[in-house]
Amino acid sequence: MPVLPGAEPFASDPEEGSREIGVVLSHGLTGTPQSMRAWGEHLAAEGIGVRGPRLPGHGTRWQDLNRTRWPDWYGEVERAVDDLRRDYRSVFVFGQSMGGTLTLRLAEERGDDLAGIALVNPSVTTLRKDALVAPYIQWVVPWVPGVANDIKKPGSVELAYDRLPTRAAVSLTALWRLVRADLGRVRCPVLLFRSPTDHVVEPVNSELVLDGVGSDDVTDVVLHESHHVATLDNDAPRIFADSTAFVRRVHAARADRSGAARSTPGTPA
């Protein structure tokens, strides 16, 4: 199916010879790269390489999403990571909502391949009662009301499906279970942005992540002026600035450690 205008993936690289930091930005369930594009443009303007993949089943029509499962979405983000790792010294993954779920799974599975991660209202569970019956109705009820456009800022609109495909949602719950079980395997630096007034992902999600990750470097940022899609909301400038500072700090620390290792007597150059 044709891709909706504005839902296209994006990519940017700085000038040759200055490829130090690369970032993959993953959108959420039913969303598109549009929700991450301004963030990517900010990073690119700072000389950072960016990849904003369009997850399979997204940005066309909602029926397509019901034909995909979480390994399809995960694989697309993983390919973007591998693409950046060929040319960049430090690779980070940023994810919003389900994009945060995928980001956490990558940190659990890929370990030292990632320099760090940034999460915006990540999902790892839900308190919605209808989620309990979704596995039993997914083949007869193809969709439920959508979760898009939870944005406080007037005039800001998320390009996303107006409904939540049931089979895709059930697959996400399977990913949640895996991610929650392995949170302790996340050892890289973590920057987490969370909105107290989020009508899609309940506060318990960020609490579980903050309590469960095994990293010694965790930064918790509260977004008081945004709802769920914070990258398109009032706090977007803070997300963009703080995440830029985060990747530069982590990259510099990695470079310092690498230099120290090379200068240690007996260590191969």
Protein backbone atom coordinates (compact mmCIF):
# COMPACT_ATOMS: atom_id res chain seq x y z
CA MET A 1 0.00 0.00 0.00
CA PRO A 2 1.16 3.58 -0.63
CA VAL A 3 2.73 5.30 2.36
CA LEU A 4 0.74 8.20 3.77
CA PRO A 5 2.28 11.61 3.05
CA GLY A 6 4.42 12.53 6.03
CA ALA A 7 4.80 8.94 7.23
CA GLU A 8 7.98 8.27 5.29
CA PRO A 9 11.14 7.11 7.07
CA PHE A 10 13.98 9.61 7.36
CA ALA A 11 17.76 9.53 7.54
CA SER A 12 20.57 12.05 7.77
CA ASP A 13 24.35 11.89 8.03
CA PRO A 14 26.82 14.67 8.82
CA GLU A 15 29.78 15.50 6.62
CA GLU A 16 32.22 12.72 5.90
CA GLY A 17 34.86 12.36 8.61
CA SER A 18 32.69 13.59 11.48
CA ARG A 19 30.61 10.49 12.12
CA GLU A 20 30.93 10.11 15.88
CA ILE A 21 27.35 9.75 17.18
CA GLY A 22 24.37 8.07 15.51
CA VAL A 23 20.80 7.81 16.79
CA VAL A 24 17.89 5.59 15.77
CA LEU A 25 14.46 7.04 16.59
CA SER A 26 11.51 4.64 16.88
CA HIS A 27 7.87 5.70 16.83
CA GLY A 28 5.05 3.97 18.68
CA LEU A 29 2.22 1.57 17.87
CA THR A 30 -0.17 2.96 15.20
CA GLY A 31 2.10 5.99 14.81
CA THR A 32 4.62 6.96 12.12
CA PRO A 33 8.07 8.56 11.83
CA GLN A 34 6.25 11.91 11.73
CA SER A 35 6.12 11.92 15.53
CA MET A 36 9.93 11.61 15.67
CA ARG A 37 10.90 13.74 12.68
CA ALA A 38 11.37 17.08 14.50
CA TRP A 39 13.54 15.31 17.08
CA GLY A 40 15.61 13.81 14.29
CA GLU A 41 15.95 17.18 12.57
CA HIS A 42 17.23 18.72 15.81
CA LEU A 43 19.83 15.98 16.23
CA ALA A 44 20.90 16.26 12.58
CA ALA A 45 21.40 20.01 12.99
CA GLU A 46 23.76 19.17 15.87
CA GLY A 47 25.91 17.02 13.57
CA ILE A 48 24.48 13.69 14.75
CA GLY A 49 23.58 10.91 12.33
CA VAL A 50 19.92 9.86 12.49
CA ARG A 51 17.69 7.07 11.25
CA GLY A 52 13.91 7.19 11.64
CA PRO A 53 12.53 3.89 10.33
CA ARG A 54 8.87 3.32 9.51
CA LEU A 55 7.86 0.20 11.40
CA PRO A 56 6.18 -2.52 9.29
CA GLY A 57 2.41 -2.15 9.05
CA HIS A 58 2.49 1.53 9.94
CA GLY A 59 1.82 4.59 7.84
CA THR A 60 -0.38 2.88 5.24
CA ARG A 61 -3.72 1.51 6.52
CA TRP A 62 -4.64 -0.04 9.84
CA GLN A 63 -5.36 -3.46 8.31
CA ASP A 64 -1.68 -3.78 7.40
CA LEU A 65 -0.69 -3.48 11.04
CA ASN A 66 -2.79 -6.51 11.95
CA ARG A 67 -0.62 -8.55 9.58
CA THR A 68 2.56 -7.78 11.51
CA ARG A 69 3.92 -8.80 14.91
CA TRP A 70 6.49 -7.42 17.32
CA PRO A 71 9.48 -9.27 15.77
CA ASP A 72 8.73 -7.41 12.52
CA TRP A 73 8.90 -4.02 14.29
CA TYR A 74 11.95 -5.03 16.31
CA GLY A 75 13.76 -6.23 13.21
CA GLU A 76 13.28 -2.88 11.48
CA VAL A 77 14.79 -0.94 14.38
CA GLU A 78 17.61 -3.46 14.71
CA ARG A 79 18.48 -3.05 11.03
CA ALA A 80 18.71 0.71 11.53
CA VAL A 81 21.06 0.14 14.49
CA ASP A 82 23.30 -2.12 12.42
CA ASP A 83 23.31 0.44 9.62
CA LEU A 84 24.63 3.15 11.96
CA ARG A 85 27.11 0.86 13.69
CA ARG A 86 29.00 0.42 10.42
CA ASP A 87 30.01 4.10 10.41
CA TYR A 88 29.51 5.60 13.88
CA ARG A 89 31.54 5.18 17.06
CA SER A 90 28.59 5.53 19.46
CA VAL A 91 25.06 4.43 18.54
CA PHE A 92 22.01 5.28 20.62
CA VAL A 93 18.35 4.33 20.29
CA PHE A 94 15.50 6.67 21.23
CA GLY A 95 11.94 5.36 21.45
CA GLN A 96 8.50 6.71 22.24
CA SER A 97 5.71 4.55 23.70
CA MET A 98 6.03 1.16 21.98
CA GLY A 99 9.18 2.53 20.40
CA GLY A 100 10.48 2.66 23.95
CA THR A 101 9.52 -0.99 24.41
CA LEU A 102 11.52 -1.93 21.33
CA THR A 103 14.40 0.23 22.54
CA LEU A 104 14.48 -1.55 25.89
CA ARG A 105 14.49 -4.93 24.16
CA LEU A 106 17.42 -3.88 22.00
CA ALA A 107 19.33 -2.78 25.10
CA GLU A 108 18.57 -6.15 26.70
CA GLU A 109 19.60 -8.15 23.66
CA ARG A 110 22.43 -6.13 22.12
CA GLY A 111 24.25 -5.00 25.26
CA ASP A 112 27.46 -3.12 24.45
CA ASP A 113 26.35 -2.49 20.85
CA LEU A 114 24.36 0.46 22.21
CA ALA A 115 26.02 3.43 23.89
CA GLY A 116 22.76 4.44 25.57
CA ILE A 117 19.00 4.78 25.20
CA ALA A 118 16.39 7.51 25.63
CA LEU A 119 12.75 6.67 26.34
CA VAL A 120 9.63 8.84 26.09
CA ASN A 121 6.64 7.43 27.96
CA PRO A 122 7.68 3.83 27.29
CA SER A 123 5.12 1.03 27.62
CA VAL A 124 5.77 -2.28 29.37
CA THR A 125 2.27 -3.08 30.65
CA THR A 126 -1.30 -1.73 30.79
CA LEU A 127 -4.05 -1.41 33.35
CA ARG A 128 -6.78 -1.34 30.71
CA LYS A 129 -9.40 -4.00 31.40
CA ASP A 130 -10.07 -4.67 27.73
CA ALA A 131 -6.48 -5.91 27.37
CA LEU A 132 -7.48 -8.99 29.37
CA VAL A 133 -10.00 -10.09 26.75
CA ALA A 134 -8.07 -9.00 23.67
CA PRO A 135 -6.34 -12.38 23.15
CA TYR A 136 -9.75 -14.07 23.02
CA ILE A 137 -11.45 -11.60 20.67
CA GLN A 138 -8.56 -10.69 18.36
CA TRP A 139 -9.81 -12.89 15.50
CA VAL A 140 -13.40 -11.61 15.60
CA VAL A 141 -12.86 -7.98 16.67
CA PRO A 142 -10.21 -6.57 14.33
CA TRP A 143 -9.82 -3.22 16.04
CA VAL A 144 -10.71 -1.15 19.11
CA PRO A 145 -10.78 2.64 19.52
CA GLY A 146 -7.45 4.29 18.81
CA VAL A 147 -4.92 5.83 21.17
CA ALA A 148 -3.39 8.49 18.91
CA ASN A 149 -3.15 12.26 19.39
CA ASP A 150 -2.88 12.42 23.17
CA ILE A 151 -1.23 15.86 22.94
CA LYS A 152 -1.73 18.88 25.19
CA LYS A 153 -0.34 21.49 22.79
CA PRO A 154 -3.11 23.12 20.71
CA GLY A 155 -2.78 22.54 16.98
CA SER A 156 -0.23 19.74 17.24
CA VAL A 157 -1.40 16.59 15.45
CA GLU A 158 0.06 13.10 15.33
CA LEU A 159 -0.08 11.24 12.02
CA ALA A 160 -1.39 7.86 13.15
CA TYR A 161 -4.21 5.35 12.68
CA ASP A 162 -7.52 6.30 14.24
CA ARG A 163 -7.98 2.77 15.62
CA LEU A 164 -5.88 0.16 17.41
CA PRO A 165 -5.63 -3.14 15.47
CA THR A 166 -6.33 -5.91 17.96
CA ARG A 167 -3.94 -8.60 16.78
CA ALA A 168 -1.05 -6.13 16.72
CA ALA A 169 -1.94 -4.97 20.23
CA VAL A 170 -1.95 -8.56 21.50
CA SER A 171 1.51 -9.08 20.01
CA LEU A 172 2.74 -6.02 21.89
CA THR A 173 1.63 -7.57 25.17
CA ALA A 174 3.86 -10.57 24.41
CA LEU A 175 6.80 -8.20 23.93
CA TRP A 176 5.96 -6.46 27.22
CA ARG A 177 6.33 -9.74 29.11
CA LEU A 178 9.76 -10.36 27.62
CA VAL A 179 10.95 -6.83 28.29
CA ARG A 180 9.75 -6.78 31.92
CA ALA A 181 11.43 -10.12 32.64
CA ASP A 182 14.80 -8.88 31.33
CA LEU A 183 14.92 -5.25 32.50
CA GLY A 184 17.90 -6.04 34.70
CA ARG A 185 19.92 -6.76 31.55
CA VAL A 186 19.74 -3.08 30.55
CA ARG A 187 23.19 -1.84 31.58
CA CYS A 188 23.76 1.11 29.26
CA PRO A 189 22.97 4.73 30.28
CA VAL A 190 19.25 5.48 30.29
CA LEU A 191 17.46 8.82 29.84
CA LEU A 192 13.74 8.53 30.60
CA PHE A 193 11.14 11.22 29.92
CA ARG A 194 7.71 10.72 31.44
CA SER A 195 4.46 12.69 31.42
CA PRO A 196 2.41 12.53 34.65
CA THR A 197 -0.69 13.34 32.59
CA ASP A 198 -0.55 10.55 30.03
CA HIS A 199 -3.90 9.16 28.87
CA VAL A 200 -2.38 6.20 27.01
CA VAL A 201 0.48 4.80 29.10
CA GLU A 202 -0.09 4.73 32.85
CA PRO A 203 2.58 6.00 35.30
CA VAL A 204 3.27 2.45 36.48
CA ASN A 205 5.10 1.84 33.19
CA SER A 206 7.89 4.31 33.88
CA GLU A 207 8.00 3.18 37.51
CA LEU A 208 8.62 -0.40 36.41
CA VAL A 209 11.37 0.69 34.03
CA LEU A 210 13.12 2.92 36.56
CA ASP A 211 12.97 0.25 39.24
CA GLY A 212 13.95 -2.61 36.95
CA VAL A 213 16.83 -1.50 34.71
CA GLY A 214 20.30 -2.56 35.77
CA SER A 215 22.10 0.60 34.64
CA ASP A 216 24.06 2.77 37.09
CA ASP A 217 23.44 5.80 34.88
CA VAL A 218 19.71 6.60 34.86
CA THR A 219 18.24 10.08 34.41
CA ASP A 220 14.53 10.64 35.11
CA VAL A 221 12.92 13.73 33.55
CA VAL A 222 9.31 14.68 34.32
CA LEU A 223 7.36 16.46 31.55
CA HIS A 224 4.69 18.50 33.28
CA GLU A 225 3.39 20.25 30.15
CA SER A 226 2.90 17.27 27.87
CA HIS A 227 0.61 14.29 27.42
CA HIS A 228 1.59 10.98 25.80
CA VAL A 229 3.05 12.09 22.46
CA ALA A 230 5.55 14.38 24.15
CA THR A 231 7.80 14.71 21.10
CA LEU A 232 5.03 16.78 19.48
CA ASP A 233 3.98 18.52 22.68
CA ASN A 234 4.98 21.50 24.80
CA ASP A 235 8.02 19.80 26.30
CA ALA A 236 9.52 18.77 22.95
CA PRO A 237 12.29 21.44 23.10
CA ARG A 238 13.42 20.06 26.45
CA ILE A 239 13.43 16.50 25.11
CA PHE A 240 15.51 17.56 22.14
CA ALA A 241 18.03 19.59 24.20
CA ASP A 242 18.39 17.09 27.05
CA SER A 243 18.83 14.13 24.71
CA THR A 244 21.50 15.97 22.73
CA ALA A 245 23.40 16.73 25.93
CA PHE A 246 22.94 13.09 27.00
CA VAL A 247 24.47 11.55 23.88
CA ARG A 248 27.37 13.98 23.93
CA ARG A 249 28.09 13.25 27.59
CA VAL A 250 27.92 9.49 27.17
CA HIS A 251 29.98 9.55 23.97
CA ALA A 252 32.67 11.68 25.61
CA ALA A 253 32.84 9.31 28.59
CA ARG A 254 33.21 6.33 26.24
CA ALA A 255 36.00 8.11 24.37
CA ASP A 256 37.78 8.90 27.66
CA ARG A 257 37.60 5.26 28.74
CA SER A 258 38.86 4.11 25.37
CA GLY A 259 41.78 6.54 25.55
CA ALA A 260 42.62 5.48 29.08
CA ALA A 261 42.63 1.83 28.04
CA ARG A 262 45.02 2.54 25.16
CA SER A 263 47.40 4.43 27.44
CA THR A 264 47.56 1.70 30.08
CA PRO A 265 50.96 -0.04 30.04
CA GLY A 266 50.73 -3.44 28.44
CA THR A 267 47.51 -2.59 26.58
CA PRO A 268 47.75 -2.99 22.79
CA ALA A 269 47.46 0.32 20.92
